[in-house]
Amino acid sequence: MSVIKSFSVGEGDMFYIEHNSDNFTVIDCCYDEDDSRDKYFEEIKSKSKKVGIKRFISTHPDEDHIKGLPEFCDTVGIANFYCVKNEATKPEETENFKKYCELRDNSKGVQDFFACGRKFRMRILRRHYKRQKMELHTIIYLQ
């Protein structure tokens, strides 16, 4: 059985999904205090170390969805980064936003986005390393 955990992070969002397979997904990054950040990141690191395919999905680059992204990369690591296709900029770039842009613009990042009125659909692709091609893996609907 798959397990979805939502962390209580105030106004922000942070989830992980332990799939009933060799997959692990983290959606967004946020925390309330440094203590909770360390606790959450260590839990994710521990839960994800036994799986082969790990992914991080960023729904959008608002601060309450990317808070702690540099520390998350240092503590847990991000092997596969997914986000909606964008060229977002901010007048004042935080370290969190700079890290988001680095991951977004890196060749390891995958961006795929379809707009349908007010609803958005993000197709999550995964690299099939043995065949060196991308395969559709998961579909997430965002509203």
N, C-alpha and C. Protein backbone atom coordinates (compact mmCIF):
# COMPACT_ATOMS: atom_id res chain seq x y z
N MET A 1 0.83 -1.17 0.00
CA MET A 1 0.00 0.00 0.00
C MET A 1 0.89 1.25 0.00
N SER A 2 0.52 2.23 -0.80
CA SER A 2 1.25 3.49 -0.83
C SER A 2 0.86 4.34 0.36
N VAL A 3 1.81 5.17 0.81
CA VAL A 3 1.59 6.05 1.95
C VAL A 3 1.87 7.48 1.51
N ILE A 4 0.95 8.40 1.82
CA ILE A 4 1.13 9.81 1.55
C ILE A 4 1.18 10.53 2.89
N LYS A 5 2.24 11.31 3.10
CA LYS A 5 2.36 12.06 4.35
C LYS A 5 2.40 13.55 4.04
N SER A 6 1.59 14.30 4.75
CA SER A 6 1.57 15.75 4.65
C SER A 6 2.16 16.32 5.93
N PHE A 7 3.16 17.19 5.80
CA PHE A 7 3.76 17.82 6.97
C PHE A 7 2.99 19.09 7.32
N SER A 8 2.85 19.36 8.60
CA SER A 8 2.21 20.59 9.06
C SER A 8 3.25 21.70 9.03
N VAL A 9 3.17 22.56 8.02
CA VAL A 9 4.18 23.59 7.83
C VAL A 9 3.55 24.98 7.71
N GLY A 10 2.51 25.23 8.45
CA GLY A 10 1.87 26.55 8.42
C GLY A 10 1.17 26.80 7.11
N GLU A 11 1.53 27.89 6.46
CA GLU A 11 0.88 28.28 5.20
C GLU A 11 1.44 27.54 3.99
N GLY A 12 2.55 26.85 4.13
CA GLY A 12 3.19 26.18 3.00
C GLY A 12 2.74 24.75 2.82
N ASP A 13 3.42 24.07 1.93
CA ASP A 13 3.12 22.68 1.63
C ASP A 13 4.38 21.85 1.57
N MET A 14 4.26 20.61 2.02
CA MET A 14 5.33 19.63 1.87
C MET A 14 4.73 18.25 2.13
N PHE A 15 4.91 17.36 1.14
CA PHE A 15 4.38 16.01 1.21
C PHE A 15 5.44 15.02 0.75
N TYR A 16 5.26 13.77 1.14
CA TYR A 16 6.00 12.71 0.46
C TYR A 16 5.07 11.55 0.20
N ILE A 17 5.41 10.78 -0.81
CA ILE A 17 4.64 9.59 -1.17
C ILE A 17 5.60 8.41 -1.18
N GLU A 18 5.32 7.44 -0.32
CA GLU A 18 6.02 6.16 -0.36
C GLU A 18 5.17 5.27 -1.25
N HIS A 19 5.60 5.10 -2.48
CA HIS A 19 4.84 4.29 -3.42
C HIS A 19 4.97 2.81 -3.06
N ASN A 20 4.03 2.04 -3.48
CA ASN A 20 4.10 0.59 -3.27
C ASN A 20 4.95 -0.02 -4.38
N SER A 21 6.15 0.53 -4.53
CA SER A 21 7.07 0.12 -5.59
C SER A 21 8.46 0.63 -5.23
N ASP A 22 9.32 0.72 -6.19
CA ASP A 22 10.69 1.20 -5.99
C ASP A 22 10.77 2.71 -6.23
N ASN A 23 9.71 3.44 -5.89
CA ASN A 23 9.62 4.88 -6.13
C ASN A 23 9.35 5.64 -4.84
N PHE A 24 9.83 6.87 -4.79
CA PHE A 24 9.59 7.77 -3.66
C PHE A 24 9.47 9.18 -4.22
N THR A 25 8.45 9.93 -3.81
CA THR A 25 8.21 11.27 -4.34
C THR A 25 8.06 12.27 -3.21
N VAL A 26 8.71 13.42 -3.36
CA VAL A 26 8.52 14.55 -2.46
C VAL A 26 7.87 15.66 -3.27
N ILE A 27 6.84 16.28 -2.71
CA ILE A 27 6.16 17.38 -3.38
C ILE A 27 6.33 18.63 -2.53
N ASP A 28 7.01 19.61 -3.08
CA ASP A 28 7.27 20.90 -2.45
C ASP A 28 8.15 20.78 -1.21
N CYS A 29 8.60 21.94 -0.74
CA CYS A 29 9.53 21.99 0.38
C CYS A 29 9.19 23.21 1.22
N CYS A 30 8.93 22.97 2.50
CA CYS A 30 8.65 24.07 3.42
C CYS A 30 8.77 23.55 4.85
N TYR A 31 8.97 24.45 5.78
CA TYR A 31 9.02 24.09 7.20
C TYR A 31 8.70 25.32 8.02
N ASP A 32 8.34 25.12 9.29
CA ASP A 32 8.02 26.24 10.18
C ASP A 32 9.26 26.78 10.87
N GLU A 33 10.03 25.90 11.49
CA GLU A 33 11.21 26.29 12.26
C GLU A 33 12.37 25.38 11.91
N ASP A 34 13.58 25.80 12.25
CA ASP A 34 14.76 25.00 11.94
C ASP A 34 14.67 23.59 12.52
N ASP A 35 14.08 23.47 13.72
CA ASP A 35 13.94 22.14 14.34
C ASP A 35 13.08 21.22 13.48
N SER A 36 11.94 21.76 13.01
CA SER A 36 11.07 20.93 12.18
C SER A 36 11.73 20.63 10.84
N ARG A 37 12.48 21.59 10.30
CA ARG A 37 13.19 21.36 9.04
C ARG A 37 14.10 20.14 9.16
N ASP A 38 14.95 20.13 10.17
CA ASP A 38 15.89 19.02 10.36
C ASP A 38 15.16 17.70 10.55
N LYS A 39 14.10 17.72 11.36
CA LYS A 39 13.31 16.51 11.62
C LYS A 39 12.66 15.99 10.34
N TYR A 40 12.01 16.88 9.58
CA TYR A 40 11.33 16.48 8.34
C TYR A 40 12.33 15.95 7.30
N PHE A 41 13.43 16.68 7.12
CA PHE A 41 14.41 16.29 6.10
C PHE A 41 15.05 14.94 6.45
N GLU A 42 15.34 14.73 7.72
CA GLU A 42 15.93 13.45 8.13
C GLU A 42 14.93 12.30 7.95
N GLU A 43 13.66 12.55 8.22
CA GLU A 43 12.63 11.53 7.99
C GLU A 43 12.56 11.15 6.51
N ILE A 44 12.54 12.16 5.66
CA ILE A 44 12.49 11.91 4.21
C ILE A 44 13.74 11.17 3.75
N LYS A 45 14.88 11.59 4.23
CA LYS A 45 16.13 10.92 3.87
C LYS A 45 16.09 9.45 4.27
N SER A 46 15.62 9.17 5.48
CA SER A 46 15.54 7.80 5.97
C SER A 46 14.55 6.96 5.16
N LYS A 47 13.37 7.51 4.89
CA LYS A 47 12.33 6.78 4.17
C LYS A 47 12.71 6.52 2.71
N SER A 48 13.46 7.43 2.12
CA SER A 48 13.75 7.33 0.68
C SER A 48 15.03 6.56 0.34
N LYS A 49 15.84 6.24 1.34
CA LYS A 49 17.14 5.64 1.01
C LYS A 49 17.04 4.20 0.51
N LYS A 50 15.90 3.55 0.69
CA LYS A 50 15.77 2.16 0.28
C LYS A 50 15.21 1.98 -1.13
N VAL A 51 14.88 3.08 -1.80
CA VAL A 51 14.25 2.97 -3.12
C VAL A 51 15.22 3.37 -4.23
N GLY A 52 14.92 2.93 -5.44
CA GLY A 52 15.79 3.22 -6.57
C GLY A 52 15.46 4.50 -7.29
N ILE A 53 14.18 4.86 -7.36
CA ILE A 53 13.76 6.05 -8.11
C ILE A 53 13.21 7.07 -7.14
N LYS A 54 13.88 8.22 -7.08
CA LYS A 54 13.47 9.31 -6.20
C LYS A 54 13.20 10.54 -7.05
N ARG A 55 12.11 11.22 -6.73
CA ARG A 55 11.80 12.43 -7.48
C ARG A 55 11.32 13.52 -6.54
N PHE A 56 11.59 14.77 -6.95
CA PHE A 56 11.10 15.94 -6.23
C PHE A 56 10.25 16.73 -7.21
N ILE A 57 9.01 17.01 -6.83
CA ILE A 57 8.09 17.77 -7.68
C ILE A 57 7.86 19.13 -7.04
N SER A 58 8.12 20.17 -7.78
CA SER A 58 7.84 21.52 -7.32
C SER A 58 6.60 22.03 -8.06
N THR A 59 5.54 22.30 -7.31
CA THR A 59 4.30 22.74 -7.96
C THR A 59 4.41 24.15 -8.50
N HIS A 60 5.12 25.03 -7.79
CA HIS A 60 5.38 26.40 -8.24
C HIS A 60 6.39 27.04 -7.30
N PRO A 61 7.07 28.11 -7.78
CA PRO A 61 8.20 28.66 -7.00
C PRO A 61 7.85 29.75 -5.99
N ASP A 62 6.68 29.69 -5.37
CA ASP A 62 6.42 30.63 -4.29
C ASP A 62 7.22 30.19 -3.06
N GLU A 63 7.58 31.15 -2.25
CA GLU A 63 8.47 30.89 -1.12
C GLU A 63 7.92 29.81 -0.17
N ASP A 64 6.59 29.77 0.00
CA ASP A 64 6.01 28.77 0.91
C ASP A 64 5.96 27.37 0.29
N HIS A 65 6.52 27.21 -0.90
CA HIS A 65 6.61 25.90 -1.54
C HIS A 65 8.06 25.50 -1.85
N ILE A 66 9.00 26.44 -1.61
CA ILE A 66 10.41 26.15 -1.88
C ILE A 66 11.31 26.51 -0.68
N LYS A 67 10.71 26.86 0.44
CA LYS A 67 11.49 27.27 1.62
C LYS A 67 12.36 26.09 2.09
N GLY A 68 13.66 26.31 2.15
CA GLY A 68 14.59 25.28 2.59
C GLY A 68 15.12 24.40 1.47
N LEU A 69 14.87 24.77 0.23
CA LEU A 69 15.32 23.94 -0.90
C LEU A 69 16.83 23.71 -0.92
N PRO A 70 17.68 24.73 -0.66
CA PRO A 70 19.12 24.47 -0.62
C PRO A 70 19.50 23.46 0.47
N GLU A 71 18.90 23.59 1.65
CA GLU A 71 19.19 22.67 2.74
C GLU A 71 18.66 21.26 2.43
N PHE A 72 17.50 21.20 1.76
CA PHE A 72 16.94 19.90 1.36
C PHE A 72 17.92 19.19 0.42
N CYS A 73 18.46 19.93 -0.53
CA CYS A 73 19.44 19.35 -1.47
C CYS A 73 20.66 18.84 -0.72
N ASP A 74 21.14 19.62 0.25
CA ASP A 74 22.32 19.21 1.02
C ASP A 74 22.05 18.00 1.91
N THR A 75 20.87 17.94 2.52
CA THR A 75 20.55 16.88 3.47
C THR A 75 20.05 15.62 2.78
N VAL A 76 19.08 15.77 1.91
CA VAL A 76 18.42 14.63 1.28
C VAL A 76 18.98 14.36 -0.11
N GLY A 77 19.17 15.43 -0.87
CA GLY A 77 19.60 15.32 -2.26
C GLY A 77 18.40 15.25 -3.19
N ILE A 78 18.57 15.76 -4.40
CA ILE A 78 17.52 15.69 -5.41
C ILE A 78 18.12 15.09 -6.67
N ALA A 79 17.72 13.86 -6.98
CA ALA A 79 18.23 13.18 -8.18
C ALA A 79 17.40 13.55 -9.41
N ASN A 80 16.10 13.70 -9.24
CA ASN A 80 15.19 14.02 -10.34
C ASN A 80 14.27 15.15 -9.89
N PHE A 81 14.33 16.27 -10.59
CA PHE A 81 13.55 17.46 -10.25
C PHE A 81 12.52 17.72 -11.33
N TYR A 82 11.26 17.89 -10.94
CA TYR A 82 10.18 18.13 -11.89
C TYR A 82 9.45 19.41 -11.52
N CYS A 83 9.10 20.20 -12.53
CA CYS A 83 8.34 21.42 -12.29
C CYS A 83 7.53 21.76 -13.53
N VAL A 84 6.56 22.66 -13.36
CA VAL A 84 5.83 23.14 -14.52
C VAL A 84 6.77 24.01 -15.34
N LYS A 85 6.58 24.00 -16.63
CA LYS A 85 7.43 24.78 -17.52
C LYS A 85 7.23 26.27 -17.21
N ASN A 86 8.32 26.96 -16.93
CA ASN A 86 8.22 28.38 -16.60
C ASN A 86 9.57 29.06 -16.76
N GLU A 87 9.51 30.37 -16.77
CA GLU A 87 10.72 31.21 -16.79
C GLU A 87 10.57 32.25 -15.69
N ALA A 88 10.07 31.82 -14.56
CA ALA A 88 9.78 32.73 -13.45
C ALA A 88 11.01 33.50 -13.01
N THR A 89 10.79 34.76 -12.70
CA THR A 89 11.81 35.62 -12.12
C THR A 89 11.17 36.35 -10.94
N LYS A 90 12.00 36.88 -10.08
CA LYS A 90 11.50 37.64 -8.92
C LYS A 90 12.37 38.87 -8.75
N PRO A 91 11.78 39.99 -8.36
CA PRO A 91 12.59 41.21 -8.18
C PRO A 91 13.67 41.03 -7.12
N GLU A 92 13.34 40.31 -6.05
CA GLU A 92 14.32 40.00 -5.02
C GLU A 92 14.42 38.49 -4.91
N GLU A 93 15.54 37.95 -5.37
CA GLU A 93 15.71 36.49 -5.39
C GLU A 93 16.28 35.99 -4.06
N THR A 94 15.52 35.11 -3.40
CA THR A 94 16.01 34.47 -2.18
C THR A 94 16.95 33.33 -2.56
N GLU A 95 17.66 32.81 -1.58
CA GLU A 95 18.51 31.64 -1.83
C GLU A 95 17.65 30.45 -2.25
N ASN A 96 16.44 30.35 -1.71
CA ASN A 96 15.53 29.28 -2.09
C ASN A 96 15.16 29.38 -3.57
N PHE A 97 14.83 30.60 -4.02
CA PHE A 97 14.46 30.79 -5.42
C PHE A 97 15.66 30.56 -6.35
N LYS A 98 16.82 30.99 -5.95
CA LYS A 98 18.03 30.75 -6.77
C LYS A 98 18.26 29.25 -6.94
N LYS A 99 18.07 28.48 -5.87
CA LYS A 99 18.23 27.03 -5.96
C LYS A 99 17.16 26.43 -6.87
N TYR A 100 15.93 26.91 -6.75
CA TYR A 100 14.85 26.45 -7.62
C TYR A 100 15.24 26.66 -9.09
N CYS A 101 15.70 27.87 -9.41
CA CYS A 101 16.08 28.18 -10.80
C CYS A 101 17.23 27.30 -11.27
N GLU A 102 18.19 27.05 -10.40
CA GLU A 102 19.31 26.17 -10.75
C GLU A 102 18.80 24.77 -11.09
N LEU A 103 17.91 24.24 -10.27
CA LEU A 103 17.36 22.90 -10.52
C LEU A 103 16.48 22.90 -11.77
N ARG A 104 15.66 23.93 -11.92
CA ARG A 104 14.77 24.05 -13.08
C ARG A 104 15.55 24.11 -14.38
N ASP A 105 16.63 24.87 -14.38
CA ASP A 105 17.38 25.12 -15.61
C ASP A 105 18.45 24.08 -15.88
N ASN A 106 18.71 23.20 -14.91
CA ASN A 106 19.70 22.14 -15.07
C ASN A 106 19.18 21.09 -16.04
N SER A 107 20.07 20.45 -16.76
CA SER A 107 19.66 19.44 -17.74
C SER A 107 18.98 18.24 -17.09
N LYS A 108 19.15 18.04 -15.76
CA LYS A 108 18.48 16.94 -15.08
C LYS A 108 17.01 17.26 -14.79
N GLY A 109 16.66 18.54 -14.84
CA GLY A 109 15.29 18.94 -14.55
C GLY A 109 14.37 18.57 -15.70
N VAL A 110 13.14 18.24 -15.38
CA VAL A 110 12.15 17.91 -16.39
C VAL A 110 11.00 18.89 -16.22
N GLN A 111 10.65 19.57 -17.31
CA GLN A 111 9.54 20.49 -17.28
C GLN A 111 8.52 20.04 -18.32
N ASP A 112 7.29 19.92 -17.90
CA ASP A 112 6.23 19.54 -18.82
C ASP A 112 4.94 20.13 -18.27
N PHE A 113 4.19 20.83 -19.12
CA PHE A 113 3.08 21.60 -18.61
C PHE A 113 2.02 21.76 -19.69
N PHE A 114 0.78 21.58 -19.33
CA PHE A 114 -0.34 21.82 -20.24
C PHE A 114 -1.35 22.67 -19.49
N ALA A 115 -1.79 23.76 -20.07
CA ALA A 115 -2.81 24.60 -19.44
C ALA A 115 -4.17 24.27 -20.01
N CYS A 116 -5.14 24.13 -19.17
CA CYS A 116 -6.51 23.82 -19.58
C CYS A 116 -7.44 24.72 -18.78
N GLY A 117 -7.59 25.96 -19.20
CA GLY A 117 -8.41 26.89 -18.42
C GLY A 117 -7.75 27.15 -17.09
N ARG A 118 -8.48 26.99 -15.99
CA ARG A 118 -7.93 27.21 -14.66
C ARG A 118 -7.29 25.97 -14.10
N LYS A 119 -7.43 24.86 -14.77
CA LYS A 119 -6.83 23.61 -14.29
C LYS A 119 -5.53 23.36 -15.04
N PHE A 120 -4.58 22.82 -14.34
CA PHE A 120 -3.30 22.52 -14.95
C PHE A 120 -3.02 21.04 -14.81
N ARG A 121 -2.39 20.49 -15.80
CA ARG A 121 -2.00 19.09 -15.73
C ARG A 121 -0.50 19.02 -15.94
N MET A 122 0.18 18.33 -15.06
CA MET A 122 1.61 18.15 -15.18
C MET A 122 1.86 16.67 -15.41
N ARG A 123 2.46 16.35 -16.52
CA ARG A 123 2.83 14.97 -16.76
C ARG A 123 4.22 14.78 -16.18
N ILE A 124 4.36 13.81 -15.35
CA ILE A 124 5.65 13.53 -14.74
C ILE A 124 6.32 12.43 -15.54
N LEU A 125 7.48 12.74 -16.02
CA LEU A 125 8.24 11.80 -16.82
C LEU A 125 9.39 11.28 -15.99
N ARG A 126 9.82 10.10 -16.29
CA ARG A 126 11.04 9.62 -15.64
C ARG A 126 11.99 9.11 -16.71
N ARG A 127 13.23 9.28 -16.43
CA ARG A 127 14.24 8.79 -17.36
C ARG A 127 14.37 7.29 -17.19
N HIS A 128 14.40 6.59 -18.27
CA HIS A 128 14.69 5.16 -18.23
C HIS A 128 16.16 5.06 -18.61
N TYR A 129 17.01 4.92 -17.61
CA TYR A 129 18.44 5.04 -17.84
C TYR A 129 19.00 3.96 -18.74
N LYS A 130 18.48 2.76 -18.67
CA LYS A 130 19.00 1.70 -19.52
C LYS A 130 18.68 1.95 -20.98
N ARG A 131 17.51 2.54 -21.25
CA ARG A 131 17.11 2.79 -22.64
C ARG A 131 17.39 4.22 -23.07
N GLN A 132 17.85 5.07 -22.14
CA GLN A 132 18.18 6.46 -22.42
C GLN A 132 17.01 7.20 -23.09
N LYS A 133 15.83 7.02 -22.57
CA LYS A 133 14.69 7.76 -23.08
C LYS A 133 13.76 8.10 -21.93
N MET A 134 12.84 9.00 -22.18
CA MET A 134 11.88 9.42 -21.18
C MET A 134 10.61 8.61 -21.32
N GLU A 135 10.00 8.25 -20.20
CA GLU A 135 8.75 7.52 -20.22
C GLU A 135 7.73 8.22 -19.33
N LEU A 136 6.48 8.22 -19.74
CA LEU A 136 5.43 8.76 -18.90
C LEU A 136 5.29 7.87 -17.68
N HIS A 137 5.26 8.47 -16.52
CA HIS A 137 5.23 7.66 -15.30
C HIS A 137 4.03 7.98 -14.42
N THR A 138 3.77 9.23 -14.16
CA THR A 138 2.72 9.62 -13.24
C THR A 138 2.01 10.84 -13.80
N ILE A 139 0.75 10.97 -13.53
CA ILE A 139 0.04 12.20 -13.92
C ILE A 139 -0.49 12.84 -12.65
N ILE A 140 -0.22 14.12 -12.50
CA ILE A 140 -0.69 14.86 -11.34
C ILE A 140 -1.57 15.99 -11.85
N TYR A 141 -2.72 16.15 -11.28
CA TYR A 141 -3.62 17.25 -11.65
C TYR A 141 -3.54 18.33 -10.59
N LEU A 142 -3.28 19.54 -11.02
CA LEU A 142 -3.18 20.68 -10.10
C LEU A 142 -4.33 21.62 -10.39
N GLN A 143 -4.94 22.16 -9.36
CA GLN A 143 -6.00 23.15 -9.56
C GLN A 143 -5.64 24.43 -8.84
